[in-house]
N, C-alpha and C. Protein backbone atom coordinates (compact mmCIF):
# COMPACT_ATOMS: atom_id res chain seq x y z
N MET A 1 218.73 145.72 -12.83
CA MET A 1 218.59 144.95 -11.62
C MET A 1 217.18 144.36 -11.59
N VAL A 2 217.09 143.09 -11.45
CA VAL A 2 215.82 142.39 -11.45
C VAL A 2 215.58 141.84 -10.05
N ASN A 3 214.41 142.19 -9.51
CA ASN A 3 214.05 141.66 -8.19
C ASN A 3 213.30 140.35 -8.38
N LYS A 4 213.79 139.33 -7.77
CA LYS A 4 213.11 138.05 -7.81
C LYS A 4 212.52 137.78 -6.43
N ILE A 5 211.25 137.50 -6.44
CA ILE A 5 210.57 137.23 -5.19
C ILE A 5 210.50 135.72 -5.00
N GLN A 6 210.97 135.29 -3.87
CA GLN A 6 210.91 133.87 -3.55
C GLN A 6 209.65 133.63 -2.72
N GLY A 7 208.78 132.79 -3.21
CA GLY A 7 207.54 132.50 -2.51
C GLY A 7 207.61 131.14 -1.85
N ILE A 8 206.50 130.80 -1.22
CA ILE A 8 206.39 129.48 -0.62
C ILE A 8 205.34 128.70 -1.40
N ASP A 9 205.41 127.41 -1.30
CA ASP A 9 204.48 126.60 -2.07
C ASP A 9 203.08 126.67 -1.44
N TYR A 10 202.11 126.24 -2.20
CA TYR A 10 200.70 126.35 -1.81
C TYR A 10 200.39 125.60 -0.52
N GLU A 11 200.89 124.39 -0.39
CA GLU A 11 200.58 123.58 0.78
C GLU A 11 201.09 124.23 2.06
N THR A 12 202.28 124.81 2.00
CA THR A 12 202.84 125.48 3.17
C THR A 12 202.03 126.72 3.52
N ALA A 13 201.64 127.48 2.51
CA ALA A 13 200.84 128.67 2.75
C ALA A 13 199.48 128.31 3.34
N LEU A 14 198.87 127.25 2.84
CA LEU A 14 197.57 126.82 3.36
C LEU A 14 197.69 126.33 4.80
N ALA A 15 198.74 125.60 5.09
CA ALA A 15 198.95 125.12 6.47
C ALA A 15 199.17 126.29 7.42
N ASN A 16 199.93 127.30 6.99
CA ASN A 16 200.15 128.49 7.82
C ASN A 16 198.85 129.25 8.05
N LEU A 17 198.02 129.35 7.02
CA LEU A 17 196.75 130.05 7.14
C LEU A 17 195.82 129.33 8.11
N ARG A 18 195.73 128.02 7.97
CA ARG A 18 194.84 127.25 8.85
C ARG A 18 195.32 127.30 10.30
N ALA A 19 196.62 127.31 10.51
CA ALA A 19 197.16 127.35 11.88
C ALA A 19 196.91 128.71 12.53
N SER A 20 196.87 129.77 11.73
CA SER A 20 196.74 131.12 12.30
C SER A 20 195.31 131.64 12.30
N SER A 21 194.36 130.89 11.77
CA SER A 21 192.99 131.40 11.69
C SER A 21 192.37 131.49 13.08
N LEU A 22 191.57 132.52 13.27
CA LEU A 22 190.91 132.75 14.55
C LEU A 22 189.70 131.85 14.68
N GLU A 23 189.44 131.41 15.87
CA GLU A 23 188.26 130.61 16.12
C GLU A 23 187.08 131.54 16.38
N LEU A 24 185.89 131.05 16.06
CA LEU A 24 184.69 131.85 16.29
C LEU A 24 184.42 131.97 17.77
N ARG A 25 183.94 133.16 18.14
CA ARG A 25 183.60 133.39 19.54
C ARG A 25 182.29 132.69 19.86
N GLY A 26 182.20 132.10 20.99
CA GLY A 26 180.99 131.39 21.39
C GLY A 26 179.92 132.29 21.97
N ASP A 27 180.26 133.55 22.27
CA ASP A 27 179.29 134.44 22.91
C ASP A 27 178.56 135.34 21.91
N LEU A 28 178.63 135.02 20.63
CA LEU A 28 177.92 135.82 19.63
C LEU A 28 176.42 135.53 19.69
N PRO A 29 175.58 136.56 19.48
CA PRO A 29 174.12 136.32 19.51
C PRO A 29 173.67 135.50 18.30
N GLU A 30 172.52 134.89 18.43
CA GLU A 30 171.96 134.09 17.35
C GLU A 30 171.57 134.96 16.17
N LYS A 31 171.52 134.35 15.00
CA LYS A 31 171.20 135.08 13.77
C LYS A 31 169.83 135.74 13.85
N ASN A 32 168.82 135.00 14.28
CA ASN A 32 167.46 135.54 14.33
C ASN A 32 167.35 136.70 15.31
N GLU A 33 168.11 136.64 16.39
CA GLU A 33 168.10 137.73 17.36
C GLU A 33 168.68 139.00 16.74
N LEU A 34 169.79 138.87 16.04
CA LEU A 34 170.40 140.03 15.37
C LEU A 34 169.48 140.60 14.30
N LEU A 35 168.89 139.71 13.48
CA LEU A 35 168.01 140.18 12.42
C LEU A 35 166.80 140.90 12.98
N SER A 36 166.20 140.38 14.04
CA SER A 36 165.01 141.02 14.60
C SER A 36 165.33 142.37 15.21
N GLN A 37 166.56 142.58 15.65
CA GLN A 37 166.93 143.86 16.24
C GLN A 37 167.32 144.91 15.21
N PHE A 38 167.96 144.50 14.11
CA PHE A 38 168.57 145.48 13.22
C PHE A 38 168.05 145.48 11.79
N HIS A 39 167.54 144.38 11.26
CA HIS A 39 167.12 144.33 9.86
C HIS A 39 165.68 144.82 9.74
N PRO A 40 165.41 145.78 8.83
CA PRO A 40 164.06 146.34 8.74
C PRO A 40 162.99 145.34 8.32
N ASP A 41 163.33 144.31 7.57
CA ASP A 41 162.33 143.32 7.15
C ASP A 41 161.89 142.42 8.30
N TYR A 42 162.62 142.40 9.39
CA TYR A 42 162.29 141.53 10.51
C TYR A 42 161.62 142.28 11.65
N GLN A 43 161.32 143.56 11.47
CA GLN A 43 160.61 144.32 12.50
C GLN A 43 159.16 143.86 12.56
N ALA A 44 158.49 144.17 13.65
CA ALA A 44 157.12 143.69 13.86
C ALA A 44 156.15 144.24 12.82
N ASN A 45 156.33 145.48 12.39
CA ASN A 45 155.40 146.10 11.44
C ASN A 45 155.96 146.14 10.02
N ALA A 46 156.88 145.27 9.68
CA ALA A 46 157.53 145.30 8.37
C ALA A 46 156.67 144.71 7.27
N ARG A 47 155.73 143.86 7.60
CA ARG A 47 154.87 143.21 6.61
C ARG A 47 153.43 143.28 7.08
N VAL A 48 152.53 143.49 6.14
CA VAL A 48 151.09 143.47 6.43
C VAL A 48 150.42 142.49 5.48
N LYS A 49 149.31 141.95 5.92
CA LYS A 49 148.57 140.99 5.11
C LYS A 49 147.60 141.74 4.21
N LEU A 50 147.58 141.38 2.92
CA LEU A 50 146.66 142.02 1.98
C LEU A 50 145.24 141.50 2.23
N PRO A 51 144.28 142.41 2.44
CA PRO A 51 142.92 141.95 2.74
C PRO A 51 142.08 141.62 1.51
N ILE A 52 142.45 142.14 0.34
CA ILE A 52 141.65 141.96 -0.87
C ILE A 52 142.55 141.64 -2.06
N GLY A 53 141.92 141.28 -3.16
CA GLY A 53 142.65 141.09 -4.42
C GLY A 53 143.07 139.66 -4.64
N PRO A 54 143.72 139.41 -5.79
CA PRO A 54 144.14 138.05 -6.13
C PRO A 54 145.22 137.51 -5.18
N ASN A 55 145.96 138.40 -4.54
CA ASN A 55 147.00 137.98 -3.59
C ASN A 55 146.53 138.11 -2.15
N GLN A 56 145.23 137.99 -1.95
CA GLN A 56 144.66 138.12 -0.62
C GLN A 56 145.29 137.11 0.33
N GLY A 57 145.71 137.60 1.48
CA GLY A 57 146.35 136.74 2.47
C GLY A 57 147.86 136.74 2.41
N ASP A 58 148.43 137.22 1.31
CA ASP A 58 149.88 137.31 1.20
C ASP A 58 150.38 138.53 1.97
N TYR A 59 151.63 138.49 2.37
CA TYR A 59 152.23 139.60 3.11
C TYR A 59 153.07 140.44 2.16
N CYS A 60 153.06 141.75 2.38
CA CYS A 60 153.90 142.65 1.59
C CYS A 60 154.24 143.87 2.43
N HIS A 61 155.07 144.74 1.87
CA HIS A 61 155.49 145.97 2.55
C HIS A 61 154.27 146.87 2.77
N PRO A 62 154.18 147.56 3.89
CA PRO A 62 153.01 148.39 4.18
C PRO A 62 152.73 149.46 3.13
N ASP A 63 153.77 150.08 2.57
CA ASP A 63 153.56 151.12 1.56
C ASP A 63 152.97 150.53 0.28
N LEU A 64 153.43 149.36 -0.12
CA LEU A 64 152.88 148.70 -1.30
C LEU A 64 151.43 148.30 -1.05
N ALA A 65 151.14 147.81 0.14
CA ALA A 65 149.76 147.43 0.48
C ALA A 65 148.85 148.65 0.43
N LYS A 66 149.34 149.78 0.89
CA LYS A 66 148.54 151.02 0.86
C LYS A 66 148.20 151.40 -0.58
N LEU A 67 149.15 151.25 -1.49
CA LEU A 67 148.90 151.56 -2.90
C LEU A 67 147.92 150.57 -3.53
N LEU A 68 148.08 149.30 -3.21
CA LEU A 68 147.21 148.28 -3.80
C LEU A 68 145.77 148.37 -3.31
N ILE A 69 145.58 148.81 -2.08
CA ILE A 69 144.25 148.88 -1.49
C ILE A 69 143.55 150.21 -1.81
N SER A 70 144.31 151.24 -2.16
CA SER A 70 143.75 152.58 -2.33
C SER A 70 142.80 152.65 -3.53
N HIS A 71 141.99 153.70 -3.54
CA HIS A 71 141.08 153.94 -4.65
C HIS A 71 141.87 154.45 -5.86
N PRO A 72 141.43 154.15 -7.08
CA PRO A 72 142.16 154.59 -8.28
C PRO A 72 142.08 156.10 -8.45
N LEU A 73 143.08 156.65 -9.11
CA LEU A 73 143.11 158.09 -9.38
C LEU A 73 142.27 158.45 -10.60
N ILE A 74 141.95 157.48 -11.44
CA ILE A 74 141.16 157.71 -12.65
C ILE A 74 139.74 157.24 -12.39
N ASP A 75 138.78 158.11 -12.65
CA ASP A 75 137.38 157.73 -12.47
C ASP A 75 136.92 156.86 -13.63
N ASP A 76 135.86 156.09 -13.39
CA ASP A 76 135.34 155.20 -14.43
C ASP A 76 134.86 155.97 -15.66
N TYR A 77 134.27 157.14 -15.46
CA TYR A 77 133.75 157.88 -16.61
C TYR A 77 134.88 158.45 -17.47
N ASP A 78 136.09 158.58 -16.94
CA ASP A 78 137.22 159.03 -17.74
C ASP A 78 137.62 157.97 -18.76
N LEU A 79 137.31 156.71 -18.49
CA LEU A 79 137.69 155.61 -19.37
C LEU A 79 136.55 155.14 -20.26
N SER A 80 135.41 155.84 -20.22
CA SER A 80 134.23 155.34 -20.94
C SER A 80 134.45 155.28 -22.44
N GLY A 81 135.23 156.17 -23.02
CA GLY A 81 135.46 156.15 -24.46
C GLY A 81 136.76 155.50 -24.85
N ALA A 82 137.50 154.97 -23.89
CA ALA A 82 138.81 154.38 -24.18
C ALA A 82 138.65 153.04 -24.89
N GLU A 83 139.59 152.76 -25.77
CA GLU A 83 139.59 151.50 -26.49
C GLU A 83 140.04 150.38 -25.55
N HIS A 84 139.35 149.26 -25.58
CA HIS A 84 139.69 148.13 -24.74
C HIS A 84 140.64 147.21 -25.50
N LEU A 85 141.75 146.88 -24.88
CA LEU A 85 142.75 146.02 -25.50
C LEU A 85 142.99 144.80 -24.62
N ASN A 86 143.20 143.67 -25.25
CA ASN A 86 143.62 142.47 -24.53
C ASN A 86 145.11 142.28 -24.77
N THR A 87 145.86 142.11 -23.71
CA THR A 87 147.30 141.95 -23.83
C THR A 87 147.75 140.69 -23.11
N ASP A 88 148.88 140.17 -23.54
CA ASP A 88 149.48 139.02 -22.88
C ASP A 88 150.59 139.44 -21.93
N VAL A 89 151.22 140.59 -22.23
CA VAL A 89 152.37 141.04 -21.45
C VAL A 89 152.19 142.50 -21.09
N LEU A 90 152.49 142.85 -19.85
CA LEU A 90 152.48 144.23 -19.41
C LEU A 90 153.91 144.59 -19.02
N VAL A 91 154.51 145.54 -19.74
CA VAL A 91 155.87 145.97 -19.45
C VAL A 91 155.77 147.25 -18.66
N ILE A 92 156.31 147.24 -17.46
CA ILE A 92 156.32 148.43 -16.61
C ILE A 92 157.74 148.98 -16.63
N GLY A 93 157.89 150.20 -17.11
CA GLY A 93 159.21 150.82 -17.20
C GLY A 93 159.73 150.75 -18.62
N GLY A 94 160.29 151.84 -19.07
CA GLY A 94 160.80 151.89 -20.43
C GLY A 94 162.31 151.95 -20.49
N GLY A 95 162.97 151.46 -19.45
CA GLY A 95 164.43 151.42 -19.46
C GLY A 95 164.92 150.34 -20.41
N GLY A 96 166.19 150.05 -20.33
CA GLY A 96 166.78 149.06 -21.22
C GLY A 96 166.14 147.70 -21.10
N ALA A 97 165.94 147.22 -19.88
CA ALA A 97 165.36 145.89 -19.68
C ALA A 97 163.90 145.86 -20.08
N GLY A 98 163.14 146.90 -19.75
CA GLY A 98 161.72 146.94 -20.12
C GLY A 98 161.53 147.00 -21.61
N ALA A 99 162.32 147.85 -22.29
CA ALA A 99 162.22 147.95 -23.74
C ALA A 99 162.63 146.65 -24.42
N ALA A 100 163.70 146.04 -23.93
CA ALA A 100 164.17 144.78 -24.53
C ALA A 100 163.13 143.68 -24.35
N SER A 101 162.51 143.60 -23.17
CA SER A 101 161.52 142.55 -22.96
C SER A 101 160.28 142.80 -23.80
N GLY A 102 159.90 144.06 -24.01
CA GLY A 102 158.77 144.37 -24.88
C GLY A 102 159.03 143.99 -26.32
N ILE A 103 160.25 144.21 -26.78
CA ILE A 103 160.60 143.86 -28.16
C ILE A 103 160.64 142.35 -28.34
N VAL A 104 161.22 141.65 -27.37
CA VAL A 104 161.34 140.20 -27.46
C VAL A 104 159.96 139.54 -27.42
N CYS A 105 159.04 140.08 -26.63
CA CYS A 105 157.71 139.47 -26.50
C CYS A 105 156.79 139.80 -27.66
N ASP A 106 157.22 140.62 -28.59
CA ASP A 106 156.36 141.04 -29.69
C ASP A 106 155.93 139.89 -30.53
């Protein structure tokens, strides 16, 4: 026993869909109002201005700004005997993408 499904053509299905679609409600709040209430990037303290460095004046997340502004964990005298290298590329992370980009840039 074979079940054959009889369908309707595309134009009829599209016309039925358009006729039954719901209209948008006019009492919905504005996008910016919703974002400012619920999205963390739109809160008042979500971004801070960097006071120093090459990106001075740019805005970033407060935790990142705290790391960028903080004092280094390594003292200058710890690096006094270290070899100085000039590099063109700095790869952060040794995962698949970091390793692949390091190999390609070689």
